[in-house]
């Protein structure tokens, strides 16, 4: 097997002290991809022991064998890693582990995943998502000429802090989201037990209306609400719902369209609501949606729920915009996200002193790493994608390294 061309070497550094396996689930896993430096043909939906994939990767080391795969075609998929001598059970037929389901065949197994798009070109990318749960501690880094180029990295300040964060995540749910001792902590988008948003609703009902404004880029060849639009609305929190009123204006048009979007607190308080960033809502008096639709209205709702996760609406934190000092909660949603990109300390506790006014699960994940997804719209502010073009292409790297970290748990 040739290890040149558009195949990217991926090496696995296992610092956990435990046996571990890897498998490639979902998406499209192409043929002609190999592990163990070309000795092991790879297939999707198949578990491989990391020890069985060991081989030389000259770009990594001319003498040290390390578990590796060479991939050039794995899109919209996930690389799952798990502890144990065997891979995950029940693979195939579109199966994906359900971390919250006690009847799932892998419920008692510790695993984690990276979301991948490997095209064999400059758009190769991955992210580490802890939205659904936190279990194994992973890092990902790219290397060129013996130097690290990019990284999705844990930032815990001291040994054992990862384990302390895991315990803190479990405490948030009053223990209801904890599977096993340290098998995983299920995220608030998949299970109950976490604090709801009622206290924040009451606070926002007495605050100034929230300004939801910006630009939705539209879908390719989009028409109607899927076309590019400017939008400007205010969100008012009442006794049982939030009502957004204002207008949307199609890009290139001078004619605004009056718009009203209503989201009930019952919908926002569901695990799929603010936590899951997928609430049901009504547009201009129409039928409730099943969740967020990929159009301008869904983008507007996304601004609101992402902002609430970060604690931006109603924030009294002072910021400077166009040379003037103002409260973060008084600027537009687009400005929230722009300011927080340049000053991450504005997120979560930096926006609100009351922890009931932001997503504490996502804040805890961000404390472990601001590079990881802690809720579905983390990318409104954070930069969770790591790109790894093959060597020889623009921005190409020699290899991608995925590291399984040890977790030292408190006694």
Protein backbone atom coordinates (compact mmCIF):
# COMPACT_ATOMS: atom_id res chain seq x y z
CA UNK A 1 0.00 0.00 0.00
CA UNK A 2 1.35 3.41 -0.92
CA UNK A 3 1.57 5.80 2.00
CA UNK A 4 2.00 8.82 -0.25
CA UNK A 5 -0.46 10.79 -2.33
CA UNK A 6 -3.64 11.94 -0.65
CA UNK A 7 -3.66 9.48 2.28
CA UNK A 8 -3.05 11.14 5.65
CA UNK A 9 -1.17 9.18 8.33
CA UNK A 10 -3.00 9.16 11.67
CA UNK A 11 -1.04 7.89 14.67
CA UNK A 12 -2.57 6.96 18.02
CA UNK A 13 -0.70 7.85 21.19
CA UNK A 14 -2.19 5.91 24.10
CA UNK A 15 -1.11 7.42 27.44
CA UNK A 16 -3.97 5.88 29.41
CA UNK A 17 -2.18 2.73 30.52
CA UNK A 18 -5.18 0.70 29.32
CA UNK A 19 -5.86 -1.41 26.23
CA UNK A 20 -7.78 0.54 23.62
CA UNK A 21 -9.47 -0.07 20.28
CA UNK A 22 -10.57 2.06 17.34
CA UNK A 23 -13.41 1.81 14.81
CA UNK A 24 -14.81 3.99 12.03
CA UNK A 25 -18.58 4.46 12.21
CA UNK A 26 -21.24 6.26 10.18
CA UNK A 27 -20.68 8.39 7.11
CA UNK A 28 -18.88 6.93 4.10
CA UNK A 29 -15.73 4.89 4.65
CA UNK A 30 -13.98 4.31 1.33
CA UNK A 31 -12.07 1.25 0.19
CA UNK A 32 -8.29 1.02 -0.08
CA UNK A 33 -7.53 2.41 3.38
CA UNK A 34 -5.04 0.68 5.66
CA UNK A 35 -3.60 0.39 9.14
CA UNK A 36 -0.34 -0.87 10.62
CA UNK A 37 1.68 0.96 7.96
CA UNK A 38 -0.18 -0.82 5.17
CA UNK A 39 -0.36 -4.33 6.63
CA UNK A 40 -4.02 -4.26 7.74
CA UNK A 41 -6.85 -3.40 5.28
CA UNK A 42 -9.46 -1.32 7.08
CA UNK A 43 -13.24 -1.42 6.89
CA UNK A 44 -15.95 0.67 8.44
CA UNK A 45 -17.97 -0.74 11.35
CA UNK A 46 -15.06 -2.91 12.49
CA UNK A 47 -13.13 -2.74 15.76
CA UNK A 48 -9.33 -2.84 15.70
CA UNK A 49 -7.05 -3.17 18.71
CA UNK A 50 -4.55 -0.31 18.71
CA UNK A 51 -1.77 -2.78 19.46
CA UNK A 52 -2.60 -4.67 16.24
CA UNK A 53 -2.20 -1.48 14.22
CA UNK A 54 1.37 -0.73 15.33
CA UNK A 55 3.94 -0.02 12.65
CA UNK A 56 6.53 2.49 11.49
CA UNK A 57 5.45 5.92 10.29
CA UNK A 58 8.71 7.56 9.15
CA UNK A 59 7.31 11.08 9.49
CA UNK A 60 6.66 10.28 13.16
CA UNK A 61 9.77 8.21 13.93
CA UNK A 62 12.18 6.18 11.85
CA UNK A 63 12.51 3.58 14.59
CA UNK A 64 9.50 3.71 16.94
CA UNK A 65 6.45 1.64 16.09
CA UNK A 66 3.15 3.33 16.89
CA UNK A 67 -0.50 2.42 16.15
CA UNK A 68 -1.45 4.06 12.88
CA UNK A 69 -3.87 4.22 9.98
CA UNK A 70 -3.62 5.88 6.56
CA UNK A 71 -6.98 7.40 5.51
CA UNK A 72 -8.05 9.31 2.42
CA UNK A 73 -11.82 8.81 2.26
CA UNK A 74 -13.93 8.97 5.41
CA UNK A 75 -16.62 11.64 5.31
CA UNK A 76 -19.34 12.60 7.80
CA UNK A 77 -18.13 9.85 10.09
CA UNK A 78 -16.78 9.30 13.57
CA UNK A 79 -13.61 7.69 14.82
CA UNK A 80 -14.64 5.88 18.01
CA UNK A 81 -12.01 4.89 20.57
CA UNK A 82 -12.83 2.63 23.49
CA UNK A 83 -11.07 1.07 26.44
CA UNK A 84 -10.76 -2.73 26.46
CA UNK A 85 -9.16 -5.55 24.51
CA UNK A 86 -12.06 -5.66 22.02
CA UNK A 87 -13.83 -3.06 19.93
CA UNK A 88 -17.41 -1.94 20.42
CA UNK A 89 -20.20 -4.53 20.13
CA UNK A 90 -23.06 -4.69 17.65
CA UNK A 91 -21.39 -2.74 14.85
CA UNK A 92 -22.93 -2.47 11.38
CA UNK A 93 -26.29 -1.67 9.82
CA UNK A 94 -25.95 2.01 10.74
CA UNK A 95 -25.49 1.32 14.45
CA UNK A 96 -24.10 4.13 16.61
CA UNK A 97 -23.77 3.80 20.40
CA UNK A 98 -26.55 5.47 22.39
CA UNK A 99 -24.69 6.68 25.48
CA UNK A 100 -27.88 7.33 27.49
CA UNK A 101 -29.57 3.97 26.80
CA UNK A 102 -29.02 1.29 29.48
CA UNK A 103 -30.01 -1.36 26.90
CA UNK A 104 -27.29 -0.32 24.47
CA UNK A 105 -24.72 -3.16 24.07
CA UNK A 106 -21.88 -0.73 24.84
CA UNK A 107 -23.53 1.07 27.76
CA UNK A 108 -20.93 -0.16 30.27
CA UNK A 109 -17.96 0.56 27.96
CA UNK A 110 -15.93 3.77 28.16
CA UNK A 111 -15.62 5.32 24.70
CA UNK A 112 -15.26 8.66 22.97
CA UNK A 113 -15.32 9.89 19.40
CA UNK A 114 -13.90 12.43 16.99
CA UNK A 115 -16.06 13.71 14.13
CA UNK A 116 -14.21 13.50 10.84
CA UNK A 117 -14.34 14.64 7.25
CA UNK A 118 -11.42 13.15 5.34
CA UNK A 119 -11.56 13.93 1.63
CA UNK A 120 -7.88 13.46 0.81
CA UNK A 121 -7.44 17.20 0.25
CA UNK A 122 -7.05 20.56 1.98
CA UNK A 123 -10.52 20.30 3.53
CA UNK A 124 -9.66 17.32 5.77
CA UNK A 125 -10.93 18.26 9.23
CA UNK A 126 -12.07 16.89 12.56
CA UNK A 127 -13.50 18.05 15.84
CA UNK A 128 -13.76 16.60 19.34
CA UNK A 129 -17.33 16.68 20.61
CA UNK A 130 -18.34 16.31 24.24
CA UNK A 131 -21.91 17.45 23.57
CA UNK A 132 -23.55 14.07 24.13
CA UNK A 133 -21.29 12.88 26.95
CA UNK A 134 -17.81 13.06 28.44
CA UNK A 135 -15.78 9.90 28.99
CA UNK A 136 -12.27 9.35 27.65
CA UNK A 137 -9.99 12.36 27.48
CA UNK A 138 -8.72 12.91 23.92
CA UNK A 139 -6.46 15.39 22.18
CA UNK A 140 -5.72 15.84 18.47
CA UNK A 141 -2.69 17.54 16.96
CA UNK A 142 -1.05 18.01 13.55
CA UNK A 143 2.69 17.82 12.92
CA UNK A 144 5.08 18.98 10.22
CA UNK A 145 8.88 18.70 10.25
CA UNK A 146 8.83 17.48 13.85
CA UNK A 147 6.93 20.56 15.03
CA UNK A 148 3.33 20.76 16.18
CA UNK A 149 1.24 22.85 13.78
CA UNK A 150 -2.27 22.76 15.25
CA UNK A 151 -3.96 21.21 18.27
CA UNK A 152 -7.28 20.53 19.98
CA UNK A 153 -5.86 20.43 23.48
CA UNK A 154 -6.85 19.98 27.08
CA UNK A 155 -5.97 23.02 29.14
CA UNK A 156 -6.43 21.72 32.69
CA UNK A 157 -4.03 23.58 34.95
CA UNK A 158 -2.94 20.70 37.17
CA UNK A 159 -2.71 16.88 37.27
CA UNK A 160 -6.02 15.32 38.17
CA UNK A 161 -8.06 18.29 37.01
CA UNK A 162 -9.66 16.25 34.23
CA UNK A 163 -11.01 13.81 36.80
CA UNK A 164 -12.20 16.70 38.97
CA UNK A 165 -14.06 18.10 35.96
CA UNK A 166 -15.73 14.75 35.38
CA UNK A 167 -16.92 14.71 38.98
CA UNK A 168 -18.18 18.29 38.61
CA UNK A 169 -20.14 17.32 35.49
CA UNK A 170 -21.83 14.50 37.38
CA UNK A 171 -22.68 16.81 40.26
CA UNK A 172 -24.48 19.21 37.90
CA UNK A 173 -27.06 16.52 37.15
CA UNK A 174 -27.39 15.47 40.80
CA UNK A 175 -25.78 12.21 39.74
CA UNK A 176 -28.57 11.34 37.30
CA UNK A 177 -26.30 11.62 34.23
CA UNK A 178 -23.50 9.43 35.57
CA UNK A 179 -22.97 5.96 34.08
CA UNK A 180 -20.75 3.75 36.19
CA UNK A 181 -18.02 5.24 38.35
CA UNK A 182 -16.22 7.02 35.52
CA UNK A 183 -17.64 5.34 32.41
CA UNK A 184 -19.27 8.56 31.19
CA UNK A 185 -21.32 11.58 32.17
CA UNK A 186 -24.25 12.09 29.76
CA UNK A 187 -24.75 15.63 28.47
CA UNK A 188 -27.88 17.69 29.21
CA UNK A 189 -29.06 17.45 25.61
CA UNK A 190 -29.68 13.71 26.05
CA UNK A 191 -30.95 13.37 29.61
CA UNK A 192 -32.79 15.11 32.41
CA UNK A 193 -31.49 15.94 35.85
CA UNK A 194 -29.67 19.12 34.89
CA UNK A 195 -30.94 22.54 36.05
CA UNK A 196 -33.62 24.00 33.78
CA UNK A 197 -33.66 27.57 32.48
CA UNK A 198 -36.62 28.94 34.45
CA UNK A 199 -34.52 31.19 36.69
CA UNK A 200 -32.88 32.73 33.62
CA UNK A 201 -36.28 33.29 31.98
CA UNK A 202 -37.49 35.21 35.05
CA UNK A 203 -34.34 37.32 35.05
CA UNK A 204 -34.61 38.12 31.34
CA UNK A 205 -38.29 39.05 31.70
CA UNK A 206 -37.17 42.04 33.77
CA UNK A 207 -34.18 42.90 31.54
CA UNK A 208 -34.04 44.98 28.39
CA UNK A 209 -35.19 43.17 25.22
CA UNK A 210 -32.45 41.09 23.64
CA UNK A 211 -31.25 42.21 20.20
CA UNK A 212 -31.00 39.36 17.70
CA UNK A 213 -29.45 40.81 14.56
CA UNK A 214 -26.97 39.85 11.87
CA UNK A 215 -26.61 38.09 8.54
CA UNK A 216 -27.57 34.56 7.50
CA UNK A 217 -25.45 33.39 4.56
CA UNK A 218 -28.10 31.07 3.10
CA UNK A 219 -27.80 27.67 1.50
CA UNK A 220 -26.30 27.07 -1.96
CA UNK A 221 -28.98 28.06 -4.50
CA UNK A 222 -31.28 28.84 -1.58
CA UNK A 223 -34.71 30.31 -2.20
CA UNK A 224 -37.24 31.88 0.17
CA UNK A 225 -36.09 31.49 3.79
CA UNK A 226 -33.08 29.38 2.74
CA UNK A 227 -31.65 32.32 0.73
CA UNK A 228 -29.22 34.82 2.31
CA UNK A 229 -30.91 37.37 4.57
CA UNK A 230 -30.15 40.20 6.94
CA UNK A 231 -32.21 40.07 10.13
CA UNK A 232 -33.01 42.39 13.03
CA UNK A 233 -35.37 41.35 15.83
CA UNK A 234 -35.81 41.87 19.55
CA UNK A 235 -36.51 38.99 21.92
CA UNK A 236 -38.90 39.71 24.78
CA UNK A 237 -39.32 37.20 27.60
CA UNK A 238 -42.85 36.92 28.97
CA UNK A 239 -44.55 34.68 31.48
CA UNK A 240 -44.50 31.49 29.39
CA UNK A 241 -42.67 32.19 26.14
CA UNK A 242 -40.08 34.31 24.38
CA UNK A 243 -41.33 36.35 21.43
CA UNK A 244 -38.95 37.65 18.77
CA UNK A 245 -40.32 40.44 16.60
CA UNK A 246 -38.70 42.44 13.83
CA UNK A 247 -37.84 41.78 10.21
CA UNK A 248 -35.75 39.81 7.77
CA UNK A 249 -34.52 41.29 4.49
CA UNK A 250 -33.33 39.18 1.59
CA UNK A 251 -29.79 40.03 0.53
CA UNK A 252 -29.95 42.58 -2.30
CA UNK A 253 -33.51 43.61 -1.45
CA UNK A 254 -34.70 46.83 0.18
CA UNK A 255 -38.00 45.35 1.32
CA UNK A 256 -38.03 43.98 4.89
CA UNK A 257 -40.45 41.22 5.80
CA UNK A 258 -42.14 41.50 9.18
CA UNK A 259 -41.28 38.46 11.27
CA UNK A 260 -42.46 37.01 14.57
CA UNK A 261 -40.94 33.90 16.13
CA UNK A 262 -42.37 32.39 19.31
CA UNK A 263 -40.69 29.76 21.48
CA UNK A 264 -42.40 28.43 24.58
CA UNK A 265 -40.47 27.97 27.79
CA UNK A 266 -41.68 24.38 27.81
CA UNK A 267 -39.82 23.82 24.54
CA UNK A 268 -36.69 25.63 25.72
CA UNK A 269 -36.63 23.61 28.94
CA UNK A 270 -36.67 20.26 27.13
CA UNK A 271 -33.24 18.59 26.81
CA UNK A 272 -33.56 19.38 23.09
CA UNK A 273 -34.22 23.08 23.85
CA UNK A 274 -31.50 25.45 25.01
CA UNK A 275 -29.19 22.57 25.95
CA UNK A 276 -29.72 20.69 22.71
CA UNK A 277 -30.03 23.84 20.56
CA UNK A 278 -33.01 22.30 18.80
CA UNK A 279 -36.24 23.73 20.25
CA UNK A 280 -39.61 23.77 18.52
CA UNK A 281 -40.83 27.25 17.54
CA UNK A 282 -43.54 29.01 15.54
CA UNK A 283 -42.87 31.43 12.68
CA UNK A 284 -45.51 34.06 11.92
CA UNK A 285 -48.25 32.06 13.62
CA UNK A 286 -47.56 28.84 11.72
CA UNK A 287 -47.45 25.31 13.05
CA UNK A 288 -44.69 24.47 15.56
CA UNK A 289 -41.54 23.16 13.92
CA UNK A 290 -40.10 19.76 14.93
CA UNK A 291 -36.86 21.57 15.81
CA UNK A 292 -34.48 24.03 14.20
CA UNK A 293 -34.92 24.26 10.43
CA UNK A 294 -31.85 25.10 8.34
CA UNK A 295 -33.07 28.50 7.13
CA UNK A 296 -32.98 32.13 8.24
CA UNK A 297 -35.57 31.56 10.99
CA UNK A 298 -33.63 28.61 12.39
CA UNK A 299 -30.44 30.69 12.30
CA UNK A 300 -32.17 33.42 14.31
CA UNK A 301 -33.35 30.89 16.89
CA UNK A 302 -29.80 29.53 16.93
CA UNK A 303 -28.46 32.97 17.82
CA UNK A 304 -30.79 33.12 20.81
CA UNK A 305 -30.13 29.64 22.24
CA UNK A 306 -26.38 29.87 21.63
CA UNK A 307 -26.34 33.25 23.36
CA UNK A 308 -28.27 31.82 26.31
CA UNK A 309 -25.80 28.95 26.66
CA UNK A 310 -23.00 31.51 26.89
CA UNK A 311 -25.01 33.81 29.19
CA UNK A 312 -24.94 36.79 26.84
CA UNK A 313 -28.61 37.96 27.01
CA UNK A 314 -29.03 40.30 29.97
CA UNK A 315 -25.30 40.36 30.74
CA UNK A 316 -24.17 43.45 32.67
CA UNK A 317 -20.50 42.82 31.83
CA UNK A 318 -19.05 45.99 30.35
CA UNK A 319 -17.58 45.87 26.85
CA UNK A 320 -16.27 48.47 24.41
CA UNK A 321 -17.93 48.73 21.01
CA UNK A 322 -16.97 51.48 18.54
CA UNK A 323 -15.15 53.30 21.30
CA UNK A 324 -18.14 53.31 23.66
CA UNK A 325 -18.62 51.31 26.85
CA UNK A 326 -21.85 49.38 27.14
CA UNK A 327 -23.31 46.23 28.69
CA UNK A 328 -22.72 43.01 26.75
CA UNK A 329 -26.43 42.21 27.01
CA UNK A 330 -27.32 45.46 25.23
CA UNK A 331 -25.42 44.76 21.98
CA UNK A 332 -26.64 42.60 19.11
CA UNK A 333 -26.21 38.84 18.97
CA UNK A 334 -23.65 39.13 16.17
CA UNK A 335 -21.60 41.50 18.34
CA UNK A 336 -21.76 39.06 21.30
CA UNK A 337 -20.12 36.38 19.24
CA UNK A 338 -17.53 38.69 17.66
CA UNK A 339 -16.48 40.10 21.04
CA UNK A 340 -16.20 36.67 22.65
CA UNK A 341 -14.06 35.35 19.79
CA UNK A 342 -11.42 37.96 20.60
CA UNK A 343 -12.01 37.78 24.38
CA UNK A 344 -13.07 34.26 25.45
CA UNK A 345 -13.28 35.35 29.10
CA UNK A 346 -16.65 36.92 28.20
CA UNK A 347 -18.21 33.46 27.94
CA UNK A 348 -20.21 31.76 30.70
CA UNK A 349 -19.07 33.09 34.10
CA UNK A 350 -17.53 36.10 32.40
CA UNK A 351 -20.96 37.11 31.16
CA UNK A 352 -23.02 36.23 34.24
CA UNK A 353 -22.10 36.03 37.93
CA UNK A 354 -25.14 33.80 38.53
CA UNK A 355 -24.37 30.32 37.21
CA UNK A 356 -28.10 29.70 36.64
CA UNK A 357 -27.82 32.10 33.71
CA UNK A 358 -25.61 29.99 31.42
CA UNK A 359 -24.94 26.40 30.35
CA UNK A 360 -22.89 25.00 33.22
CA UNK A 361 -22.17 21.72 31.46
CA UNK A 362 -20.69 23.56 28.44
CA UNK A 363 -18.78 25.88 30.77
CA UNK A 364 -17.22 22.86 32.49
CA UNK A 365 -16.21 21.38 29.12
CA UNK A 366 -14.71 24.74 28.10
CA UNK A 367 -12.74 24.69 31.34
CA UNK A 368 -11.15 21.46 30.14
CA UNK A 369 -10.64 22.83 26.63
CA UNK A 370 -12.07 25.76 24.73
CA UNK A 371 -11.33 23.75 21.56
CA UNK A 372 -14.02 21.12 22.14
CA UNK A 373 -17.75 21.20 21.42
CA UNK A 374 -19.64 21.54 24.70
CA UNK A 375 -22.99 22.31 23.05
CA UNK A 376 -24.11 22.15 19.41
CA UNK A 377 -23.52 25.83 18.56
CA UNK A 378 -20.15 26.22 20.30
CA UNK A 379 -18.79 27.24 16.90
CA UNK A 380 -20.66 30.56 17.05
CA UNK A 381 -17.67 31.64 19.17
CA UNK A 382 -15.15 28.85 19.55
CA UNK A 383 -12.93 27.34 16.86
CA UNK A 384 -13.40 23.58 17.21
CA UNK A 385 -12.21 22.39 13.77
CA UNK A 386 -8.69 21.09 13.19
CA UNK A 387 -7.57 20.88 9.55
CA UNK A 388 -4.99 18.35 8.37
CA UNK A 389 -4.29 18.41 4.60
CA UNK A 390 -2.02 15.63 3.29
CA UNK A 391 1.67 16.37 2.87
CA UNK A 392 2.41 17.99 -0.46
CA UNK A 393 -0.85 19.94 -0.58
CA UNK A 394 -1.39 23.53 0.55
CA UNK A 395 -0.95 23.64 4.32
CA UNK A 396 -0.14 19.94 4.32
CA UNK A 397 1.08 18.15 7.44
CA UNK A 398 3.15 15.03 7.93
CA UNK A 399 0.64 13.32 10.19
CA UNK A 400 -2.29 13.74 12.56
CA UNK A 401 -1.85 12.47 16.12
CA UNK A 402 -4.76 11.42 18.31
CA UNK A 403 -3.82 11.11 21.98
CA UNK A 404 -5.70 9.22 24.70
CA UNK A 405 -4.83 11.01 27.92
CA UNK A 406 -4.64 9.50 31.39
CA UNK A 407 -7.22 10.73 33.89
CA UNK A 408 -6.07 10.91 37.50
CA UNK A 409 -9.28 10.88 39.52
CA UNK A 410 -9.51 12.41 42.99
CA UNK A 411 -9.41 9.92 45.85
